[in-house]
Amino acid sequence: IQGLTVLDSGNVGVGTTSPDYTFKTIGSGFISSFLGVGASLNVTGNVGVGTSLTVTDVISAGNGLKIFPKFYVRYRPARGWRFPQEEADKRT
């Protein structure tokens, strides 16, 4: 099948002939139903969540976490967690 590579190691690649992970795809993908991640998810770009996001443990957000339309959390090592919108609401 053109565009699909299966190596003797068992690694599978879509859009690559040298997958260095169990499953690696070069390009975009679409999942119309459930996607389960059993361990950790590392994202180097943006993530959009259309309806809901359920977190059952810890979120690590290095430069802050924005939840629109009105919630923003920022962590700075010298200051700790800050909630800028909450502080703005107190001033009004």
Protein backbone atom coordinates (compact mmCIF):
# COMPACT_ATOMS: atom_id res chain seq x y z
CA ILE A 1 0.00 0.00 0.00
CA GLN A 2 1.53 3.28 -1.08
CA GLY A 3 2.30 5.64 1.82
CA LEU A 4 2.24 2.84 4.44
CA THR A 5 5.42 1.28 5.82
CA VAL A 6 5.64 -1.70 8.15
CA LEU A 7 9.14 -2.50 9.37
CA ASP A 8 10.42 -5.86 10.62
CA SER A 9 10.61 -4.26 14.09
CA GLY A 10 6.83 -3.84 14.00
CA ASN A 11 6.94 -0.05 13.65
CA VAL A 12 4.31 1.35 11.32
CA GLY A 13 4.62 4.57 9.37
CA VAL A 14 2.11 6.57 7.37
CA GLY A 15 3.76 9.13 5.10
CA THR A 16 7.23 8.00 6.21
CA THR A 17 9.45 5.12 5.20
CA SER A 18 11.43 5.15 8.46
CA PRO A 19 9.07 5.19 11.45
CA ASP A 20 11.09 5.43 14.67
CA TYR A 21 8.03 4.88 16.89
CA THR A 22 5.51 2.05 17.10
CA PHE A 23 3.16 4.25 15.06
CA LYS A 24 4.28 7.42 13.32
CA THR A 25 2.45 9.58 10.84
CA ILE A 26 3.81 12.50 8.87
CA GLY A 27 0.99 14.86 7.98
CA SER A 28 -2.36 15.51 9.55
CA GLY A 29 -4.97 13.10 10.81
CA PHE A 30 -8.60 13.10 11.86
CA ILE A 31 -10.29 10.94 14.49
CA SER A 32 -14.06 11.17 14.49
CA SER A 33 -14.64 9.28 17.71
CA PHE A 34 -12.71 8.46 20.89
CA LEU A 35 -8.93 8.76 21.24
CA GLY A 36 -7.44 7.26 24.37
CA VAL A 37 -3.95 8.09 25.58
CA GLY A 38 -2.73 5.60 28.14
CA ALA A 39 0.35 7.34 29.49
CA SER A 40 1.28 10.89 28.53
CA LEU A 41 0.56 13.26 25.67
CA ASN A 42 3.28 15.62 24.50
CA VAL A 43 2.10 18.39 22.18
CA THR A 44 4.54 20.77 20.53
CA GLY A 45 1.90 22.93 18.82
CA ASN A 46 -1.61 24.12 19.61
CA VAL A 47 -4.46 21.94 20.78
CA GLY A 48 -8.09 22.82 20.15
CA VAL A 49 -10.87 21.16 22.12
CA GLY A 50 -14.26 21.65 20.51
CA THR A 51 -16.63 20.48 23.23
CA SER A 52 -15.12 19.21 26.47
CA LEU A 53 -11.86 18.17 28.07
CA THR A 54 -11.79 15.91 31.10
CA VAL A 55 -8.61 15.75 33.15
CA THR A 56 -8.40 13.08 35.84
CA ASP A 57 -4.94 13.87 37.19
CA VAL A 58 -2.41 16.69 36.66
CA ILE A 59 -1.99 19.26 33.90
CA SER A 60 1.49 20.63 33.39
CA ALA A 61 1.36 23.98 31.60
CA GLY A 62 4.76 25.63 31.37
CA ASN A 63 3.74 29.09 30.17
CA GLY A 64 0.17 29.27 31.43
CA LEU A 65 -3.20 27.80 30.65
CA LYS A 66 -5.92 29.73 28.84
CA ILE A 67 -9.54 28.62 28.95
CA PHE A 68 -11.74 30.92 26.90
CA PRO A 69 -13.72 33.08 27.08
CA LYS A 70 -12.63 34.36 30.47
CA PHE A 71 -10.32 32.10 32.47
CA TYR A 72 -6.54 32.32 32.43
CA VAL A 73 -4.03 30.78 34.81
CA ARG A 74 -0.34 31.63 34.85
CA TYR A 75 2.47 30.00 36.80
CA ARG A 76 5.67 31.89 37.47
CA PRO A 77 8.30 30.15 39.59
CA ALA A 78 9.03 33.30 41.61
CA ARG A 79 5.34 34.12 42.22
CA GLY A 80 3.49 30.82 42.02
CA TRP A 81 0.03 30.41 40.46
CA ARG A 82 -1.79 33.59 39.45
CA PHE A 83 -5.35 34.08 38.26
CA PRO A 84 -5.31 37.43 36.39
CA GLN A 85 -9.06 37.47 35.64
CA GLU A 86 -9.94 36.78 39.28
CA GLU A 87 -7.73 39.71 40.31
CA ALA A 88 -9.39 41.94 37.71
CA ASP A 89 -12.88 40.96 38.98
CA LYS A 90 -11.88 42.02 42.50
CA ARG A 91 -10.96 45.48 41.22
CA THR A 92 -14.37 46.09 39.60
